[in-house]
N, C-alpha and C. Protein backbone atom coordinates (compact mmCIF):
# COMPACT_ATOMS: atom_id res chain seq x y z
N MET A 1 -18.49 6.47 5.40
CA MET A 1 -18.10 5.80 6.67
C MET A 1 -18.25 4.31 6.52
N ARG A 2 -17.31 3.59 7.16
CA ARG A 2 -17.32 2.13 7.07
C ARG A 2 -17.34 1.56 8.48
N LEU A 3 -18.21 0.56 8.74
CA LEU A 3 -18.30 -0.07 10.01
C LEU A 3 -18.15 -1.52 9.84
N LEU A 4 -17.85 -2.25 10.95
CA LEU A 4 -17.76 -3.69 10.94
C LEU A 4 -18.64 -4.32 11.95
N LEU A 5 -19.36 -5.29 11.57
CA LEU A 5 -20.15 -6.12 12.49
C LEU A 5 -19.42 -7.46 12.64
N LEU A 6 -19.02 -7.75 13.84
CA LEU A 6 -18.28 -9.04 14.14
C LEU A 6 -19.27 -9.92 15.00
N ASN A 7 -19.36 -11.18 14.59
CA ASN A 7 -20.20 -12.17 15.37
C ASN A 7 -19.27 -13.31 15.65
N GLY A 8 -19.35 -13.75 16.91
CA GLY A 8 -18.47 -14.83 17.36
C GLY A 8 -19.09 -16.17 17.31
N PRO A 9 -18.65 -17.12 18.14
CA PRO A 9 -18.97 -18.53 18.01
C PRO A 9 -20.41 -18.86 18.21
N ASN A 10 -20.87 -19.76 17.38
CA ASN A 10 -22.21 -20.30 17.42
C ASN A 10 -23.29 -19.34 16.85
N LEU A 11 -22.95 -18.16 16.56
CA LEU A 11 -23.98 -17.22 16.03
C LEU A 11 -24.40 -17.56 14.60
N ASN A 12 -23.61 -18.45 13.94
CA ASN A 12 -23.98 -18.96 12.65
C ASN A 12 -25.19 -19.87 12.78
N LEU A 13 -25.52 -20.30 14.00
CA LEU A 13 -26.66 -21.20 14.19
C LEU A 13 -27.88 -20.48 14.62
N LEU A 14 -27.90 -19.12 14.56
CA LEU A 14 -29.06 -18.36 14.96
C LEU A 14 -30.26 -18.80 14.04
N GLY A 15 -31.41 -18.82 14.78
CA GLY A 15 -32.64 -19.29 14.09
C GLY A 15 -32.92 -20.72 14.39
N GLN A 16 -31.86 -21.49 14.62
CA GLN A 16 -31.95 -22.93 14.92
C GLN A 16 -31.55 -23.20 16.41
N ARG A 17 -30.63 -22.47 16.90
CA ARG A 17 -30.05 -22.73 18.22
C ARG A 17 -30.89 -22.05 19.30
N GLU A 18 -31.44 -22.86 20.20
CA GLU A 18 -32.19 -22.32 21.34
C GLU A 18 -33.04 -21.07 21.00
N PRO A 19 -34.02 -21.23 20.10
CA PRO A 19 -34.80 -20.07 19.76
C PRO A 19 -35.53 -19.43 20.86
N GLY A 20 -35.78 -20.07 21.98
CA GLY A 20 -36.40 -19.50 23.14
C GLY A 20 -35.53 -18.47 23.81
N ILE A 21 -34.21 -18.60 23.63
CA ILE A 21 -33.25 -17.61 24.13
C ILE A 21 -32.79 -16.64 23.05
N TYR A 22 -32.52 -17.11 21.88
CA TYR A 22 -31.87 -16.27 20.86
C TYR A 22 -32.81 -15.86 19.74
N GLY A 23 -34.03 -16.30 19.72
CA GLY A 23 -34.99 -15.93 18.73
C GLY A 23 -34.92 -16.79 17.48
N ARG A 24 -35.79 -16.47 16.49
CA ARG A 24 -35.89 -17.29 15.32
C ARG A 24 -35.21 -16.65 14.09
N SER A 25 -34.68 -15.45 14.23
CA SER A 25 -33.98 -14.79 13.08
C SER A 25 -32.61 -15.44 12.89
N SER A 26 -32.32 -15.64 11.60
CA SER A 26 -31.03 -16.21 11.26
C SER A 26 -30.00 -14.99 11.24
N LEU A 27 -28.74 -15.37 11.31
CA LEU A 27 -27.67 -14.36 11.24
C LEU A 27 -27.73 -13.64 9.82
N ALA A 28 -28.03 -14.41 8.82
CA ALA A 28 -28.13 -13.79 7.50
C ALA A 28 -29.23 -12.75 7.43
N SER A 29 -30.35 -13.03 8.00
CA SER A 29 -31.45 -12.06 7.96
C SER A 29 -31.14 -10.84 8.86
N ILE A 30 -30.48 -11.03 9.92
CA ILE A 30 -30.00 -9.89 10.82
C ILE A 30 -29.03 -9.05 10.03
N GLU A 31 -28.09 -9.64 9.35
CA GLU A 31 -27.11 -8.91 8.56
C GLU A 31 -27.78 -8.13 7.43
N ILE A 32 -28.77 -8.74 6.74
CA ILE A 32 -29.49 -7.98 5.69
C ILE A 32 -30.21 -6.77 6.26
N THR A 33 -30.90 -6.93 7.30
CA THR A 33 -31.61 -5.77 7.94
C THR A 33 -30.65 -4.70 8.33
N LEU A 34 -29.55 -5.08 8.99
CA LEU A 34 -28.59 -4.13 9.47
C LEU A 34 -27.87 -3.41 8.35
N ARG A 35 -27.56 -4.16 7.28
CA ARG A 35 -26.91 -3.49 6.11
C ARG A 35 -27.85 -2.49 5.51
N GLU A 36 -29.15 -2.83 5.41
CA GLU A 36 -30.11 -1.88 4.82
C GLU A 36 -30.20 -0.66 5.73
N GLN A 37 -30.25 -0.85 7.06
CA GLN A 37 -30.25 0.26 7.95
C GLN A 37 -29.06 1.14 7.81
N ALA A 38 -27.87 0.56 7.68
CA ALA A 38 -26.66 1.28 7.50
C ALA A 38 -26.62 2.01 6.18
N GLU A 39 -26.98 1.40 5.15
CA GLU A 39 -27.05 2.03 3.80
C GLU A 39 -27.94 3.18 3.78
N SER A 40 -29.04 3.14 4.51
CA SER A 40 -29.97 4.26 4.54
C SER A 40 -29.34 5.46 5.25
N GLU A 41 -28.26 5.22 6.00
CA GLU A 41 -27.51 6.30 6.66
C GLU A 41 -26.22 6.68 5.90
N GLY A 42 -26.07 6.05 4.71
CA GLY A 42 -24.91 6.32 3.94
C GLY A 42 -23.61 5.60 4.48
N ILE A 43 -23.82 4.48 5.12
CA ILE A 43 -22.78 3.74 5.81
C ILE A 43 -22.55 2.39 5.04
N VAL A 44 -21.26 2.02 4.94
CA VAL A 44 -20.96 0.68 4.43
C VAL A 44 -20.75 -0.23 5.60
N LEU A 45 -21.41 -1.33 5.70
CA LEU A 45 -21.29 -2.25 6.81
C LEU A 45 -20.72 -3.54 6.31
N ASP A 46 -19.54 -3.93 6.81
CA ASP A 46 -18.92 -5.20 6.55
C ASP A 46 -19.35 -6.14 7.64
N CYS A 47 -19.63 -7.40 7.32
CA CYS A 47 -20.07 -8.40 8.28
C CYS A 47 -19.07 -9.56 8.25
N PHE A 48 -18.78 -10.07 9.48
CA PHE A 48 -17.91 -11.18 9.63
C PHE A 48 -18.32 -12.02 10.81
N GLN A 49 -18.34 -13.33 10.61
CA GLN A 49 -18.63 -14.32 11.69
C GLN A 49 -17.58 -15.36 11.68
N SER A 50 -17.14 -15.80 12.85
CA SER A 50 -16.25 -16.91 12.95
C SER A 50 -16.45 -17.61 14.30
N ASN A 51 -16.29 -18.90 14.25
CA ASN A 51 -16.27 -19.67 15.52
C ASN A 51 -14.83 -19.74 16.14
N PHE A 52 -13.87 -19.12 15.45
CA PHE A 52 -12.46 -19.19 15.87
C PHE A 52 -11.96 -17.88 16.37
N GLU A 53 -11.52 -17.87 17.61
CA GLU A 53 -11.04 -16.68 18.24
C GLU A 53 -9.97 -15.96 17.41
N GLY A 54 -8.98 -16.71 16.86
CA GLY A 54 -7.91 -16.08 16.16
C GLY A 54 -8.38 -15.40 14.87
N ALA A 55 -9.41 -15.96 14.20
CA ALA A 55 -9.97 -15.31 13.01
C ALA A 55 -10.61 -13.99 13.39
N LEU A 56 -11.27 -13.95 14.51
CA LEU A 56 -11.93 -12.65 14.98
C LEU A 56 -10.85 -11.64 15.30
N VAL A 57 -9.74 -12.06 15.96
CA VAL A 57 -8.67 -11.17 16.28
C VAL A 57 -8.05 -10.59 14.99
N GLU A 58 -7.79 -11.46 14.03
CA GLU A 58 -7.22 -11.03 12.79
C GLU A 58 -8.10 -10.07 12.04
N ARG A 59 -9.41 -10.29 12.09
CA ARG A 59 -10.33 -9.38 11.41
C ARG A 59 -10.37 -8.05 12.06
N ILE A 60 -10.27 -7.98 13.41
CA ILE A 60 -10.14 -6.69 14.11
C ILE A 60 -8.89 -5.97 13.69
N HIS A 61 -7.78 -6.71 13.65
CA HIS A 61 -6.50 -6.03 13.18
C HIS A 61 -6.63 -5.44 11.80
N LYS A 62 -7.30 -6.11 10.90
CA LYS A 62 -7.47 -5.63 9.56
C LYS A 62 -8.27 -4.37 9.50
N CYS A 63 -8.98 -4.02 10.48
CA CYS A 63 -9.78 -2.82 10.55
C CYS A 63 -8.98 -1.52 10.62
N MET A 64 -7.78 -1.60 11.13
CA MET A 64 -7.01 -0.36 11.33
C MET A 64 -6.90 0.47 10.09
N GLY A 65 -7.27 1.73 10.18
CA GLY A 65 -7.21 2.68 9.06
C GLY A 65 -8.30 2.43 8.05
N GLN A 66 -9.21 1.48 8.24
CA GLN A 66 -10.24 1.15 7.25
C GLN A 66 -11.65 1.26 7.82
N THR A 67 -11.80 1.25 9.13
CA THR A 67 -13.08 1.14 9.77
C THR A 67 -13.23 2.17 10.85
N GLU A 68 -14.35 2.88 10.90
CA GLU A 68 -14.52 3.90 11.96
C GLU A 68 -15.10 3.36 13.23
N GLY A 69 -15.81 2.24 13.16
CA GLY A 69 -16.45 1.72 14.36
C GLY A 69 -16.78 0.19 14.18
N ILE A 70 -16.95 -0.44 15.32
CA ILE A 70 -17.20 -1.91 15.34
C ILE A 70 -18.40 -2.21 16.21
N LEU A 71 -19.24 -3.10 15.72
CA LEU A 71 -20.32 -3.70 16.46
C LEU A 71 -19.90 -5.18 16.69
N ILE A 72 -19.92 -5.63 17.97
CA ILE A 72 -19.41 -6.88 18.22
C ILE A 72 -20.29 -7.66 19.16
N ASN A 73 -20.75 -8.89 18.67
CA ASN A 73 -21.40 -9.87 19.51
C ASN A 73 -20.38 -10.99 19.56
N ALA A 74 -19.59 -10.99 20.59
CA ALA A 74 -18.51 -11.94 20.72
C ALA A 74 -19.07 -13.30 21.23
N GLY A 75 -20.34 -13.40 21.51
CA GLY A 75 -20.87 -14.69 22.03
C GLY A 75 -20.12 -15.04 23.28
N ALA A 76 -19.78 -16.37 23.39
CA ALA A 76 -19.16 -16.83 24.65
C ALA A 76 -17.76 -16.23 24.89
N TYR A 77 -17.12 -15.77 23.80
CA TYR A 77 -15.81 -15.10 23.94
C TYR A 77 -15.88 -13.81 24.77
N THR A 78 -17.10 -13.30 24.86
CA THR A 78 -17.29 -12.07 25.72
C THR A 78 -16.78 -12.28 27.11
N HIS A 79 -16.97 -13.50 27.63
CA HIS A 79 -16.68 -13.84 29.00
C HIS A 79 -15.29 -14.51 29.20
N THR A 80 -14.64 -14.79 28.08
CA THR A 80 -13.36 -15.52 28.25
C THR A 80 -12.13 -14.92 27.48
N SER A 81 -12.36 -14.04 26.56
CA SER A 81 -11.29 -13.77 25.61
C SER A 81 -10.49 -12.42 25.92
N ILE A 82 -9.37 -12.63 26.52
CA ILE A 82 -8.45 -11.51 26.69
C ILE A 82 -7.88 -11.06 25.38
N ALA A 83 -7.72 -12.08 24.51
CA ALA A 83 -7.18 -11.83 23.15
C ALA A 83 -8.09 -10.81 22.38
N LEU A 84 -9.42 -11.04 22.42
CA LEU A 84 -10.34 -10.05 21.74
C LEU A 84 -10.25 -8.71 22.37
N ARG A 85 -10.21 -8.65 23.74
CA ARG A 85 -10.05 -7.45 24.43
C ARG A 85 -8.87 -6.66 24.05
N ASP A 86 -7.73 -7.43 23.97
CA ASP A 86 -6.45 -6.74 23.62
C ASP A 86 -6.43 -6.27 22.16
N ALA A 87 -7.09 -7.05 21.26
CA ALA A 87 -7.16 -6.65 19.87
C ALA A 87 -7.98 -5.34 19.73
N LEU A 88 -9.12 -5.31 20.38
CA LEU A 88 -9.97 -4.10 20.32
C LEU A 88 -9.20 -2.91 20.89
N ALA A 89 -8.47 -3.11 22.00
CA ALA A 89 -7.73 -2.01 22.59
C ALA A 89 -6.60 -1.58 21.67
N GLY A 90 -5.97 -2.59 21.02
CA GLY A 90 -4.87 -2.31 20.14
C GLY A 90 -5.20 -1.46 18.93
N VAL A 91 -6.35 -1.72 18.36
CA VAL A 91 -6.73 -0.93 17.15
C VAL A 91 -7.36 0.45 17.48
N ALA A 92 -7.81 0.55 18.77
CA ALA A 92 -8.35 1.82 19.30
C ALA A 92 -9.47 2.33 18.36
N ILE A 93 -10.33 1.42 17.97
CA ILE A 93 -11.56 1.82 17.17
C ILE A 93 -12.72 1.69 18.09
N PRO A 94 -13.58 2.74 18.13
CA PRO A 94 -14.75 2.68 19.02
C PRO A 94 -15.61 1.46 18.69
N TYR A 95 -16.17 0.85 19.77
CA TYR A 95 -17.00 -0.35 19.52
C TYR A 95 -18.13 -0.41 20.48
N VAL A 96 -19.23 -1.07 20.08
CA VAL A 96 -20.36 -1.34 20.93
C VAL A 96 -20.46 -2.87 21.09
N GLU A 97 -20.54 -3.33 22.28
CA GLU A 97 -20.83 -4.74 22.54
C GLU A 97 -22.29 -4.99 22.55
N LEU A 98 -22.69 -6.13 21.92
CA LEU A 98 -24.15 -6.41 21.89
C LEU A 98 -24.40 -7.90 22.11
N HIS A 99 -25.61 -8.13 22.56
CA HIS A 99 -26.06 -9.49 22.76
C HIS A 99 -27.56 -9.61 22.51
N LEU A 100 -27.97 -10.71 21.98
CA LEU A 100 -29.45 -10.96 21.76
C LEU A 100 -30.21 -11.14 23.03
N SER A 101 -29.64 -11.93 23.95
CA SER A 101 -30.27 -12.15 25.22
C SER A 101 -29.78 -11.21 26.27
N ASN A 102 -30.53 -11.11 27.38
CA ASN A 102 -30.12 -10.31 28.54
C ASN A 102 -29.08 -11.19 29.32
N THR A 103 -27.85 -10.94 29.12
CA THR A 103 -26.85 -11.76 29.79
C THR A 103 -26.90 -11.71 31.28
N TYR A 104 -27.46 -10.62 31.83
CA TYR A 104 -27.53 -10.48 33.28
C TYR A 104 -28.71 -11.26 33.87
N ALA A 105 -29.61 -11.73 33.01
CA ALA A 105 -30.76 -12.55 33.50
C ALA A 105 -30.48 -14.08 33.30
N ARG A 106 -29.24 -14.38 33.01
CA ARG A 106 -28.89 -15.78 32.69
C ARG A 106 -27.84 -16.31 33.72
N GLU A 107 -27.15 -17.29 33.36
CA GLU A 107 -26.19 -17.94 34.26
C GLU A 107 -25.16 -16.89 34.82
N PRO A 108 -24.72 -17.05 36.05
CA PRO A 108 -23.76 -16.12 36.67
C PRO A 108 -22.48 -15.85 35.81
N PHE A 109 -21.99 -16.89 35.10
CA PHE A 109 -20.74 -16.75 34.38
C PHE A 109 -20.95 -15.80 33.22
N ARG A 110 -22.19 -15.58 32.79
CA ARG A 110 -22.46 -14.61 31.68
C ARG A 110 -22.58 -13.18 32.18
N HIS A 111 -22.52 -12.95 33.42
CA HIS A 111 -22.65 -11.62 33.95
C HIS A 111 -21.42 -10.73 33.78
N GLN A 112 -20.28 -11.43 33.58
CA GLN A 112 -19.05 -10.69 33.37
C GLN A 112 -18.61 -10.58 31.94
N SER A 113 -18.31 -9.45 31.49
CA SER A 113 -17.80 -9.19 30.16
C SER A 113 -16.38 -8.67 30.23
N LEU A 114 -15.47 -9.25 29.45
CA LEU A 114 -14.13 -8.74 29.38
C LEU A 114 -13.98 -7.59 28.38
N LEU A 115 -15.08 -7.31 27.71
CA LEU A 115 -15.08 -6.22 26.68
C LEU A 115 -15.83 -4.93 27.12
N ALA A 116 -16.76 -5.06 27.99
CA ALA A 116 -17.70 -3.98 28.27
C ALA A 116 -17.07 -2.75 28.76
N ASP A 117 -16.04 -2.82 29.62
CA ASP A 117 -15.49 -1.61 30.27
C ASP A 117 -14.76 -0.74 29.26
N ARG A 118 -14.38 -1.22 28.08
CA ARG A 118 -13.69 -0.41 27.09
C ARG A 118 -14.69 -0.04 25.89
N ALA A 119 -15.85 -0.59 25.97
CA ALA A 119 -16.88 -0.31 24.95
C ALA A 119 -17.50 1.05 25.16
N ILE A 120 -17.96 1.68 24.10
CA ILE A 120 -18.68 2.96 24.26
C ILE A 120 -20.08 2.69 24.79
N GLY A 121 -20.55 1.43 24.64
CA GLY A 121 -21.84 1.07 25.15
C GLY A 121 -22.10 -0.43 25.02
N VAL A 122 -23.11 -0.93 25.72
CA VAL A 122 -23.50 -2.33 25.65
C VAL A 122 -25.00 -2.39 25.49
N VAL A 123 -25.48 -3.16 24.53
CA VAL A 123 -26.85 -3.40 24.26
C VAL A 123 -27.17 -4.88 24.46
N CYS A 124 -28.03 -5.30 25.25
CA CYS A 124 -28.43 -6.70 25.44
C CYS A 124 -29.88 -6.85 25.78
N GLY A 125 -30.43 -8.05 25.34
CA GLY A 125 -31.75 -8.38 25.78
C GLY A 125 -32.88 -8.07 24.86
N PHE A 126 -32.60 -7.48 23.72
CA PHE A 126 -33.66 -7.14 22.77
C PHE A 126 -33.77 -7.96 21.55
N GLY A 127 -33.18 -9.17 21.60
CA GLY A 127 -33.20 -10.08 20.47
C GLY A 127 -32.46 -9.48 19.24
N ALA A 128 -33.04 -9.70 18.07
CA ALA A 128 -32.38 -9.22 16.87
C ALA A 128 -32.37 -7.68 16.87
N MET A 129 -33.30 -7.07 17.54
CA MET A 129 -33.30 -5.60 17.64
C MET A 129 -32.08 -5.04 18.31
N SER A 130 -31.36 -5.84 19.08
CA SER A 130 -30.17 -5.40 19.74
C SER A 130 -29.17 -4.89 18.77
N TYR A 131 -29.14 -5.46 17.58
CA TYR A 131 -28.16 -5.09 16.53
C TYR A 131 -28.51 -3.69 15.99
N SER A 132 -29.76 -3.44 15.76
CA SER A 132 -30.18 -2.09 15.29
C SER A 132 -29.89 -1.00 16.33
N LEU A 133 -30.24 -1.35 17.60
CA LEU A 133 -29.97 -0.40 18.63
C LEU A 133 -28.48 -0.12 18.85
N ALA A 134 -27.69 -1.15 18.69
CA ALA A 134 -26.23 -0.94 18.81
C ALA A 134 -25.72 -0.09 17.66
N LEU A 135 -26.22 -0.32 16.46
CA LEU A 135 -25.80 0.56 15.32
C LEU A 135 -26.21 1.96 15.55
N GLN A 136 -27.47 2.23 15.98
CA GLN A 136 -27.86 3.55 16.29
C GLN A 136 -26.94 4.26 17.31
N GLY A 137 -26.61 3.52 18.38
CA GLY A 137 -25.74 4.07 19.42
C GLY A 137 -24.34 4.35 18.89
N LEU A 138 -23.76 3.49 18.09
CA LEU A 138 -22.49 3.61 17.51
C LEU A 138 -22.49 4.88 16.59
N LEU A 139 -23.46 4.98 15.74
CA LEU A 139 -23.51 6.13 14.83
C LEU A 139 -23.65 7.43 15.60
N HIS A 140 -24.47 7.44 16.63
CA HIS A 140 -24.63 8.64 17.46
C HIS A 140 -23.30 9.08 18.06
N HIS A 141 -22.60 8.10 18.60
CA HIS A 141 -21.26 8.33 19.18
C HIS A 141 -20.27 8.93 18.12
N LEU A 142 -20.21 8.26 17.02
CA LEU A 142 -19.27 8.69 15.99
C LEU A 142 -19.58 10.06 15.42
N ARG A 143 -20.86 10.37 15.30
CA ARG A 143 -21.29 11.69 14.79
C ARG A 143 -21.08 12.82 15.80
N GLN A 144 -20.98 12.48 17.15
CA GLN A 144 -20.74 13.44 18.17
C GLN A 144 -19.29 13.74 18.34
N SER A 145 -18.45 12.78 17.90
CA SER A 145 -16.99 12.88 18.13
C SER A 145 -16.41 13.87 17.13
């Protein structure tokens, strides 16, 4: 089984950017931990991060026929990107939306997600652990299908 982890804008700054909100773990360390967790389950996990909406859309398109599930932390694009929503709908690959912070405990504009209603689940507020929880949820869903 092959899965994709997508990370959106500014997540390349994890560990440095607002550690009180996003924690001190770097994206590289989160990816290493998640890859190890996936490998222990016999899963190949591809990781991709971009600050550019179009690059994320293109990476989603590339998944067709190659990826069974997607983990996505779209960052700020969660609240603004109809293009990401349409790309995810277009490839029809199950996905879990995830966030490090509890978006519902933050600014009101972060309370709305353009991706959540089509996701199989949403995990937020557990810091770097949100990634592991999202992976567990996605695997559970895929194994039940």
